[in-house]
Amino acid sequence: MYDIREDCTSAFNCLDDNGLSLFVNSGKFRKIVGGLGEWQECNNYIQLINLIASQYNYGYILTDLLDNNFPVLVYNGDKDYSANWQGA
């Protein structure tokens, strides 16, 4: 995750995802979330689509998901620039 306390190591990548990769590819995590394949960073096109989509509020959909027992993972990091507590 983006740690707002750390300096970027490159002009294009402020994300050190090694810890993230190890965590989400661990057997324990994959069993909990029902992951079947190995997690990998998405390609630039998918990242662009996600960036555009993140500009909108999809909170109205969350109620329907929760009402239908759809499992969701809500992440908020207190030092995370991208998914900080202010967006929760």
PDB file of N, CA and C in Angstrom:
ATOM      1  N   MET A   1       0.830  -1.173   0.000  1.00  0.00           N
ATOM      2  CA  MET A   1       0.000   0.000   0.000  1.00  0.00           C
ATOM      3  C   MET A   1       0.881   1.245   0.000  1.00  0.00           C
ATOM      4  N   TYR A   2       0.303   2.333  -0.355  1.00  0.00           N
ATOM      5  CA  TYR A   2       1.031   3.591  -0.325  1.00  0.00           C
ATOM      6  C   TYR A   2       1.118   4.077   1.118  1.00  0.00           C
ATOM      7  N   ASP A   3       2.316   4.207   1.631  1.00  0.00           N
ATOM      8  CA  ASP A   3       2.527   4.687   2.990  1.00  0.00           C
ATOM      9  C   ASP A   3       2.903   6.158   2.912  1.00  0.00           C
ATOM     10  N   ILE A   4       2.054   7.020   3.423  1.00  0.00           N
ATOM     11  CA  ILE A   4       2.276   8.459   3.290  1.00  0.00           C
ATOM     12  C   ILE A   4       3.491   8.936   4.078  1.00  0.00           C
ATOM     13  N   ARG A   5       4.037   8.071   4.924  1.00  0.00           N
ATOM     14  CA  ARG A   5       5.227   8.445   5.691  1.00  0.00           C
ATOM     15  C   ARG A   5       6.515   8.173   4.923  1.00  0.00           C
ATOM     16  N   GLU A   6       6.448   7.414   3.835  1.00  0.00           N
ATOM     17  CA  GLU A   6       7.640   7.000   3.085  1.00  0.00           C
ATOM     18  C   GLU A   6       7.803   7.821   1.809  1.00  0.00           C
ATOM     19  N   ASP A   7       9.066   8.033   1.428  1.00  0.00           N
ATOM     20  CA  ASP A   7       9.360   8.678   0.152  1.00  0.00           C
ATOM     21  C   ASP A   7       9.208   7.672  -0.974  1.00  0.00           C
ATOM     22  N   CYS A   8       8.865   8.163  -2.165  1.00  0.00           N
ATOM     23  CA  CYS A   8       8.762   7.292  -3.327  1.00  0.00           C
ATOM     24  C   CYS A   8      10.158   6.843  -3.749  1.00  0.00           C
ATOM     25  N   THR A   9      10.249   5.600  -4.205  1.00  0.00           N
ATOM     26  CA  THR A   9      11.533   5.077  -4.668  1.00  0.00           C
ATOM     27  C   THR A   9      11.738   5.318  -6.147  1.00  0.00           C
ATOM     28  N   SER A  10      10.691   5.680  -6.857  1.00  0.00           N
ATOM     29  CA  SER A  10      10.796   5.962  -8.281  1.00  0.00           C
ATOM     30  C   SER A  10       9.727   6.985  -8.648  1.00  0.00           C
ATOM     31  N   ALA A  11       9.932   7.648  -9.767  1.00  0.00           N
ATOM     32  CA  ALA A  11       8.982   8.686 -10.188  1.00  0.00           C
ATOM     33  C   ALA A  11       7.628   8.097 -10.570  1.00  0.00           C
ATOM     34  N   PHE A  12       7.599   6.829 -10.958  1.00  0.00           N
ATOM     35  CA  PHE A  12       6.370   6.229 -11.446  1.00  0.00           C
ATOM     36  C   PHE A  12       5.763   5.210 -10.489  1.00  0.00           C
ATOM     37  N   ASN A  13       6.484   4.880  -9.432  1.00  0.00           N
ATOM     38  CA  ASN A  13       5.978   3.838  -8.558  1.00  0.00           C
ATOM     39  C   ASN A  13       6.292   4.149  -7.105  1.00  0.00           C
ATOM     40  N   CYS A  14       5.293   4.580  -6.375  1.00  0.00           N
ATOM     41  CA  CYS A  14       5.445   4.809  -4.937  1.00  0.00           C
ATOM     42  C   CYS A  14       4.963   3.607  -4.150  1.00  0.00           C
ATOM     43  N   LEU A  15       4.733   2.513  -4.827  1.00  0.00           N
ATOM     44  CA  LEU A  15       4.166   1.336  -4.195  1.00  0.00           C
ATOM     45  C   LEU A  15       5.190   0.216  -4.126  1.00  0.00           C
ATOM     46  N   ASP A  16       5.516  -0.190  -2.922  1.00  0.00           N
ATOM     47  CA  ASP A  16       6.325  -1.383  -2.713  1.00  0.00           C
ATOM     48  C   ASP A  16       5.349  -2.506  -2.437  1.00  0.00           C
ATOM     49  N   ASP A  17       5.060  -3.314  -3.458  1.00  0.00           N
ATOM     50  CA  ASP A  17       4.019  -4.316  -3.317  1.00  0.00           C
ATOM     51  C   ASP A  17       4.547  -5.701  -2.958  1.00  0.00           C
ATOM     52  N   ASN A  18       5.818  -5.810  -2.603  1.00  0.00           N
ATOM     53  CA  ASN A  18       6.347  -7.123  -2.264  1.00  0.00           C
ATOM     54  C   ASN A  18       5.612  -7.717  -1.058  1.00  0.00           C
ATOM     55  N   GLY A  19       5.439  -6.934  -0.012  1.00  0.00           N
ATOM     56  CA  GLY A  19       4.711  -7.413   1.156  1.00  0.00           C
ATOM     57  C   GLY A  19       3.273  -7.753   0.818  1.00  0.00           C
ATOM     58  N   LEU A  20       2.659  -6.933  -0.021  1.00  0.00           N
ATOM     59  CA  LEU A  20       1.284  -7.182  -0.451  1.00  0.00           C
ATOM     60  C   LEU A  20       1.193  -8.490  -1.216  1.00  0.00           C
ATOM     61  N   SER A  21       2.111  -8.710  -2.143  1.00  0.00           N
ATOM     62  CA  SER A  21       2.108  -9.946  -2.928  1.00  0.00           C
ATOM     63  C   SER A  21       2.259 -11.164  -2.034  1.00  0.00           C
ATOM     64  N   LEU A  22       3.184 -11.092  -1.096  1.00  0.00           N
ATOM     65  CA  LEU A  22       3.381 -12.218  -0.183  1.00  0.00           C
ATOM     66  C   LEU A  22       2.125 -12.485   0.637  1.00  0.00           C
ATOM     67  N   PHE A  23       1.476 -11.427   1.095  1.00  0.00           N
ATOM     68  CA  PHE A  23       0.285 -11.574   1.925  1.00  0.00           C
ATOM     69  C   PHE A  23      -0.887 -12.172   1.145  1.00  0.00           C
ATOM     70  N   VAL A  24      -1.225 -11.572   0.008  1.00  0.00           N
ATOM     71  CA  VAL A  24      -2.414 -12.039  -0.721  1.00  0.00           C
ATOM     72  C   VAL A  24      -2.193 -13.367  -1.424  1.00  0.00           C
ATOM     73  N   ASN A  25      -0.947 -13.763  -1.637  1.00  0.00           N
ATOM     74  CA  ASN A  25      -0.678 -15.071  -2.227  1.00  0.00           C
ATOM     75  C   ASN A  25      -0.461 -16.156  -1.184  1.00  0.00           C
ATOM     76  N   SER A  26      -0.531 -15.784   0.095  1.00  0.00           N
ATOM     77  CA  SER A  26      -0.373 -16.792   1.138  1.00  0.00           C
ATOM     78  C   SER A  26      -1.586 -17.726   1.136  1.00  0.00           C
ATOM     79  N   GLY A  27      -1.341 -18.973   1.459  1.00  0.00           N
ATOM     80  CA  GLY A  27      -2.423 -19.953   1.476  1.00  0.00           C
ATOM     81  C   GLY A  27      -3.535 -19.578   2.431  1.00  0.00           C
ATOM     82  N   LYS A  28      -3.174 -19.026   3.589  1.00  0.00           N
ATOM     83  CA  LYS A  28      -4.186 -18.657   4.584  1.00  0.00           C
ATOM     84  C   LYS A  28      -5.130 -17.587   4.042  1.00  0.00           C
ATOM     85  N   PHE A  29      -4.570 -16.532   3.440  1.00  0.00           N
ATOM     86  CA  PHE A  29      -5.394 -15.454   2.905  1.00  0.00           C
ATOM     87  C   PHE A  29      -6.261 -15.953   1.747  1.00  0.00           C
ATOM     88  N   ARG A  30      -5.662 -16.720   0.837  1.00  0.00           N
ATOM     89  CA  ARG A  30      -6.410 -17.210  -0.320  1.00  0.00           C
ATOM     90  C   ARG A  30      -7.553 -18.121   0.105  1.00  0.00           C
ATOM     91  N   LYS A  31      -7.347 -18.882   1.176  1.00  0.00           N
ATOM     92  CA  LYS A  31      -8.422 -19.744   1.675  1.00  0.00           C
ATOM     93  C   LYS A  31      -9.567 -18.901   2.236  1.00  0.00           C
ATOM     94  N   ILE A  32      -9.230 -17.846   2.970  1.00  0.00           N
ATOM     95  CA  ILE A  32     -10.249 -16.985   3.576  1.00  0.00           C
ATOM     96  C   ILE A  32     -11.094 -16.294   2.512  1.00  0.00           C
ATOM     97  N   VAL A  33     -10.457 -15.757   1.468  1.00  0.00           N
ATOM     98  CA  VAL A  33     -11.197 -14.994   0.456  1.00  0.00           C
ATOM     99  C   VAL A  33     -11.658 -15.855  -0.714  1.00  0.00           C
ATOM    100  N   GLY A  34     -11.295 -17.125  -0.701  1.00  0.00           N
ATOM    101  CA  GLY A  34     -11.720 -18.013  -1.783  1.00  0.00           C
ATOM    102  C   GLY A  34     -10.947 -17.804  -3.066  1.00  0.00           C
ATOM    103  N   GLY A  35      -9.710 -17.346  -2.939  1.00  0.00           N
ATOM    104  CA  GLY A  35      -8.890 -17.116  -4.126  1.00  0.00           C
ATOM    105  C   GLY A  35      -8.447 -18.419  -4.763  1.00  0.00           C
ATOM    106  N   LEU A  36      -8.598 -18.513  -6.064  1.00  0.00           N
ATOM    107  CA  LEU A  36      -8.234 -19.728  -6.775  1.00  0.00           C
ATOM    108  C   LEU A  36      -6.881 -19.609  -7.467  1.00  0.00           C
ATOM    109  N   GLY A  37      -6.551 -18.432  -7.934  1.00  0.00           N
ATOM    110  CA  GLY A  37      -5.304 -18.245  -8.669  1.00  0.00           C
ATOM    111  C   GLY A  37      -4.337 -17.376  -7.906  1.00  0.00           C
ATOM    112  N   GLU A  38      -3.178 -17.200  -8.491  1.00  0.00           N
ATOM    113  CA  GLU A  38      -2.167 -16.358  -7.867  1.00  0.00           C
ATOM    114  C   GLU A  38      -2.450 -14.888  -8.176  1.00  0.00           C
ATOM    115  N   TRP A  39      -2.336 -14.040  -7.162  1.00  0.00           N
ATOM    116  CA  TRP A  39      -2.550 -12.608  -7.356  1.00  0.00           C
ATOM    117  C   TRP A  39      -1.360 -12.027  -8.086  1.00  0.00           C
ATOM    118  N   GLN A  40      -1.641 -11.123  -8.990  1.00  0.00           N
ATOM    119  CA  GLN A  40      -0.590 -10.380  -9.665  1.00  0.00           C
ATOM    120  C   GLN A  40      -1.072  -8.967  -9.937  1.00  0.00           C
ATOM    121  N   GLU A  41      -0.132  -8.069 -10.075  1.00  0.00           N
ATOM    122  CA  GLU A  41      -0.481  -6.678 -10.346  1.00  0.00           C
ATOM    123  C   GLU A  41      -1.162  -6.592 -11.700  1.00  0.00           C
ATOM    124  N   CYS A  42      -2.186  -5.746 -11.790  1.00  0.00           N
ATOM    125  CA  CYS A  42      -2.922  -5.634 -13.047  1.00  0.00           C
ATOM    126  C   CYS A  42      -2.106  -4.867 -14.081  1.00  0.00           C
ATOM    127  N   ASN A  43      -2.527  -4.978 -15.316  1.00  0.00           N
ATOM    128  CA  ASN A  43      -1.828  -4.263 -16.378  1.00  0.00           C
ATOM    129  C   ASN A  43      -2.259  -2.802 -16.404  1.00  0.00           C
ATOM    130  N   ASN A  44      -1.583  -1.996 -17.174  1.00  0.00           N
ATOM    131  CA  ASN A  44      -1.822  -0.549 -17.179  1.00  0.00           C
ATOM    132  C   ASN A  44      -3.220  -0.186 -17.663  1.00  0.00           C
ATOM    133  N   TYR A  45      -3.776  -0.946 -18.613  1.00  0.00           N
ATOM    134  CA  TYR A  45      -5.117  -0.647 -19.097  1.00  0.00           C
ATOM    135  C   TYR A  45      -6.148  -0.837 -17.991  1.00  0.00           C
ATOM    136  N   ILE A  46      -6.057  -1.956 -17.282  1.00  0.00           N
ATOM    137  CA  ILE A  46      -6.978  -2.220 -16.177  1.00  0.00           C
ATOM    138  C   ILE A  46      -6.789  -1.181 -15.076  1.00  0.00           C
ATOM    139  N   GLN A  47      -5.555  -0.802 -14.831  1.00  0.00           N
ATOM    140  CA  GLN A  47      -5.284   0.218 -13.818  1.00  0.00           C
ATOM    141  C   GLN A  47      -5.931   1.550 -14.209  1.00  0.00           C
ATOM    142  N   LEU A  48      -5.873   1.902 -15.478  1.00  0.00           N
ATOM    143  CA  LEU A  48      -6.508   3.132 -15.957  1.00  0.00           C
ATOM    144  C   LEU A  48      -8.019   3.069 -15.780  1.00  0.00           C
ATOM    145  N   ILE A  49      -8.630   1.932 -16.115  1.00  0.00           N
ATOM    146  CA  ILE A  49     -10.068   1.771 -15.946  1.00  0.00           C
ATOM    147  C   ILE A  49     -10.444   1.922 -14.474  1.00  0.00           C
ATOM    148  N   ASN A  50      -9.658   1.304 -13.590  1.00  0.00           N
ATOM    149  CA  ASN A  50      -9.920   1.427 -12.154  1.00  0.00           C
ATOM    150  C   ASN A  50      -9.760   2.858 -11.675  1.00  0.00           C
ATOM    151  N   LEU A  51      -8.786   3.557 -12.210  1.00  0.00           N
ATOM    152  CA  LEU A  51      -8.576   4.960 -11.829  1.00  0.00           C
ATOM    153  C   LEU A  51      -9.787   5.804 -12.221  1.00  0.00           C
ATOM    154  N   ILE A  52     -10.275   5.588 -13.419  1.00  0.00           N
ATOM    155  CA  ILE A  52     -11.457   6.334 -13.871  1.00  0.00           C
ATOM    156  C   ILE A  52     -12.672   5.956 -13.022  1.00  0.00           C
ATOM    157  N   ALA A  53     -12.862   4.670 -12.767  1.00  0.00           N
ATOM    158  CA  ALA A  53     -14.016   4.207 -11.995  1.00  0.00           C
ATOM    159  C   ALA A  53     -13.958   4.686 -10.556  1.00  0.00           C
ATOM    160  N   SER A  54     -12.760   4.887 -10.026  1.00  0.00           N
ATOM    161  CA  SER A  54     -12.643   5.288  -8.625  1.00  0.00           C
ATOM    162  C   SER A  54     -13.073   6.726  -8.385  1.00  0.00           C
ATOM    163  N   GLN A  55     -13.320   7.459  -9.447  1.00  0.00           N
ATOM    164  CA  GLN A  55     -13.744   8.842  -9.312  1.00  0.00           C
ATOM    165  C   GLN A  55     -15.235   8.952  -8.978  1.00  0.00           C
ATOM    166  N   TYR A  56     -15.922   7.819  -8.983  1.00  0.00           N
ATOM    167  CA  TYR A  56     -17.359   7.806  -8.742  1.00  0.00           C
ATOM    168  C   TYR A  56     -17.675   7.119  -7.419  1.00  0.00           C
ATOM    169  N   ASN A  57     -18.789   7.448  -6.841  1.00  0.00           N
ATOM    170  CA  ASN A  57     -19.218   6.844  -5.594  1.00  0.00           C
ATOM    171  C   ASN A  57     -20.138   5.661  -5.903  1.00  0.00           C
ATOM    172  N   TYR A  58     -19.688   4.465  -5.539  1.00  0.00           N
ATOM    173  CA  TYR A  58     -20.477   3.261  -5.753  1.00  0.00           C
ATOM    174  C   TYR A  58     -21.090   2.761  -4.449  1.00  0.00           C
ATOM    175  N   GLY A  59     -21.160   3.615  -3.448  1.00  0.00           N
ATOM    176  CA  GLY A  59     -21.692   3.232  -2.149  1.00  0.00           C
ATOM    177  C   GLY A  59     -23.113   2.721  -2.200  1.00  0.00           C
ATOM    178  N   TYR A  60     -23.902   3.218  -3.126  1.00  0.00           N
ATOM    179  CA  TYR A  60     -25.299   2.783  -3.226  1.00  0.00           C
ATOM    180  C   TYR A  60     -25.401   1.302  -3.577  1.00  0.00           C
ATOM    181  N   ILE A  61     -24.400   0.731  -4.207  1.00  0.00           N
ATOM    182  CA  ILE A  61     -24.398  -0.688  -4.562  1.00  0.00           C
ATOM    183  C   ILE A  61     -24.071  -1.547  -3.349  1.00  0.00           C
ATOM    184  N   LEU A  62     -23.304  -1.004  -2.425  1.00  0.00           N
ATOM    185  CA  LEU A  62     -22.851  -1.761  -1.264  1.00  0.00           C
ATOM    186  C   LEU A  62     -24.016  -2.298  -0.439  1.00  0.00           C
ATOM    187  N   THR A  63     -25.054  -1.517  -0.280  1.00  0.00           N
ATOM    188  CA  THR A  63     -26.213  -1.962   0.500  1.00  0.00           C
ATOM    189  C   THR A  63     -26.818  -3.226  -0.090  1.00  0.00           C
ATOM    190  N   ASP A  64     -26.990  -3.261  -1.408  1.00  0.00           N
ATOM    191  CA  ASP A  64     -27.546  -4.456  -2.057  1.00  0.00           C
ATOM    192  C   ASP A  64     -26.633  -5.664  -1.870  1.00  0.00           C
ATOM    193  N   LEU A  65     -25.332  -5.462  -1.984  1.00  0.00           N
ATOM    194  CA  LEU A  65     -24.392  -6.564  -1.799  1.00  0.00           C
ATOM    195  C   LEU A  65     -24.486  -7.128  -0.387  1.00  0.00           C
ATOM    196  N   LEU A  66     -24.487  -6.245   0.597  1.00  0.00           N
ATOM    197  CA  LEU A  66     -24.557  -6.690   1.989  1.00  0.00           C
ATOM    198  C   LEU A  66     -25.902  -7.351   2.293  1.00  0.00           C
ATOM    199  N   ASP A  67     -26.978  -6.796   1.774  1.00  0.00           N
ATOM    200  CA  ASP A  67     -28.302  -7.376   1.999  1.00  0.00           C
ATOM    201  C   ASP A  67     -28.434  -8.776   1.401  1.00  0.00           C
ATOM    202  N   ASN A  68     -27.615  -9.066   0.375  1.00  0.00           N
ATOM    203  CA  ASN A  68     -27.661 -10.374  -0.282  1.00  0.00           C
ATOM    204  C   ASN A  68     -26.511 -11.280   0.153  1.00  0.00           C
ATOM    205  N   ASN A  69     -25.931 -10.954   1.320  1.00  0.00           N
ATOM    206  CA  ASN A  69     -24.866 -11.767   1.922  1.00  0.00           C
ATOM    207  C   ASN A  69     -23.654 -11.959   1.027  1.00  0.00           C
ATOM    208  N   PHE A  70     -23.374 -10.967   0.193  1.00  0.00           N
ATOM    209  CA  PHE A  70     -22.183 -11.015  -0.650  1.00  0.00           C
ATOM    210  C   PHE A  70     -20.981 -10.650   0.212  1.00  0.00           C
ATOM    211  N   PRO A  71     -19.942 -11.489   0.237  1.00  0.00           N
ATOM    212  CA  PRO A  71     -18.795 -11.177   1.097  1.00  0.00           C
ATOM    213  C   PRO A  71     -18.010  -9.985   0.539  1.00  0.00           C
ATOM    214  N   VAL A  72     -17.702  -9.048   1.387  1.00  0.00           N
ATOM    215  CA  VAL A  72     -16.928  -7.880   0.985  1.00  0.00           C
ATOM    216  C   VAL A  72     -15.755  -7.705   1.943  1.00  0.00           C
ATOM    217  N   LEU A  73     -14.688  -7.123   1.450  1.00  0.00           N
ATOM    218  CA  LEU A  73     -13.534  -6.791   2.260  1.00  0.00           C
ATOM    219  C   LEU A  73     -13.399  -5.277   2.242  1.00  0.00           C
ATOM    220  N   VAL A  74     -13.460  -4.665   3.397  1.00  0.00           N
ATOM    221  CA  VAL A  74     -13.304  -3.217   3.516  1.00  0.00           C
ATOM    222  C   VAL A  74     -11.953  -2.952   4.142  1.00  0.00           C
ATOM    223  N   TYR A  75     -11.111  -2.230   3.423  1.00  0.00           N
ATOM    224  CA  TYR A  75      -9.771  -1.932   3.913  1.00  0.00           C
ATOM    225  C   TYR A  75      -9.606  -0.430   4.057  1.00  0.00           C
ATOM    226  N   ASN A  76      -9.098  -0.015   5.192  1.00  0.00           N
ATOM    227  CA  ASN A  76      -8.741   1.376   5.419  1.00  0.00           C
ATOM    228  C   ASN A  76      -7.421   1.397   6.174  1.00  0.00           C
ATOM    229  N   GLY A  77      -6.443   2.088   5.647  1.00  0.00           N
ATOM    230  CA  GLY A  77      -5.159   2.197   6.326  1.00  0.00           C
ATOM    231  C   GLY A  77      -4.986   3.592   6.904  1.00  0.00           C
ATOM    232  N   ASP A  78      -4.532   3.670   8.129  1.00  0.00           N
ATOM    233  CA  ASP A  78      -4.367   4.990   8.736  1.00  0.00           C
ATOM    234  C   ASP A  78      -3.159   5.734   8.172  1.00  0.00           C
ATOM    235  N   LYS A  79      -2.244   5.034   7.511  1.00  0.00           N
ATOM    236  CA  LYS A  79      -1.086   5.667   6.875  1.00  0.00           C
ATOM    237  C   LYS A  79      -1.081   5.405   5.371  1.00  0.00           C
ATOM    238  N   ASP A  80      -2.213   4.995   4.830  1.00  0.00           N
ATOM    239  CA  ASP A  80      -2.332   4.601   3.433  1.00  0.00           C
ATOM    240  C   ASP A  80      -2.906   5.760   2.627  1.00  0.00           C
ATOM    241  N   TYR A  81      -2.174   6.195   1.618  1.00  0.00           N
ATOM    242  CA  TYR A  81      -2.601   7.337   0.809  1.00  0.00           C
ATOM    243  C   TYR A  81      -3.814   6.994  -0.056  1.00  0.00           C
ATOM    244  N   SER A  82      -3.851   5.789  -0.608  1.00  0.00           N
ATOM    245  CA  SER A  82      -4.912   5.427  -1.543  1.00  0.00           C
ATOM    246  C   SER A  82      -6.197   5.007  -0.867  1.00  0.00           C
ATOM    247  N   ALA A  83      -6.108   4.271   0.222  1.00  0.00           N
ATOM    248  CA  ALA A  83      -7.304   3.757   0.901  1.00  0.00           C
ATOM    249  C   ALA A  83      -7.287   4.215   2.359  1.00  0.00           C
ATOM    250  N   ASN A  84      -7.287   5.514   2.544  1.00  0.00           N
ATOM    251  CA  ASN A  84      -7.168   6.051   3.888  1.00  0.00           C
ATOM    252  C   ASN A  84      -8.521   6.076   4.609  1.00  0.00           C
ATOM    253  N   TRP A  85      -8.460   6.343   5.876  1.00  0.00           N
ATOM    254  CA  TRP A  85      -9.655   6.334   6.725  1.00  0.00           C
ATOM    255  C   TRP A  85     -10.661   7.404   6.337  1.00  0.00           C
ATOM    256  N   GLN A  86     -10.226   8.449   5.631  1.00  0.00           N
ATOM    257  CA  GLN A  86     -11.137   9.545   5.291  1.00  0.00           C
ATOM    258  C   GLN A  86     -12.183   9.114   4.258  1.00  0.00           C
ATOM    259  N   GLY A  87     -11.886   8.070   3.496  1.00  0.00           N
ATOM    260  CA  GLY A  87     -12.828   7.627   2.471  1.00  0.00           C
ATOM    261  C   GLY A  87     -13.859   6.644   2.976  1.00  0.00           C
ATOM    262  N   ALA A  88     -13.715   6.245   4.239  1.00  0.00           N
ATOM    263  CA  ALA A  88     -14.624   5.213   4.767  1.00  0.00           C
ATOM    264  C   ALA A  88     -15.927   5.820   5.250  1.00  0.00           C
TER     265      ALA A  88
END
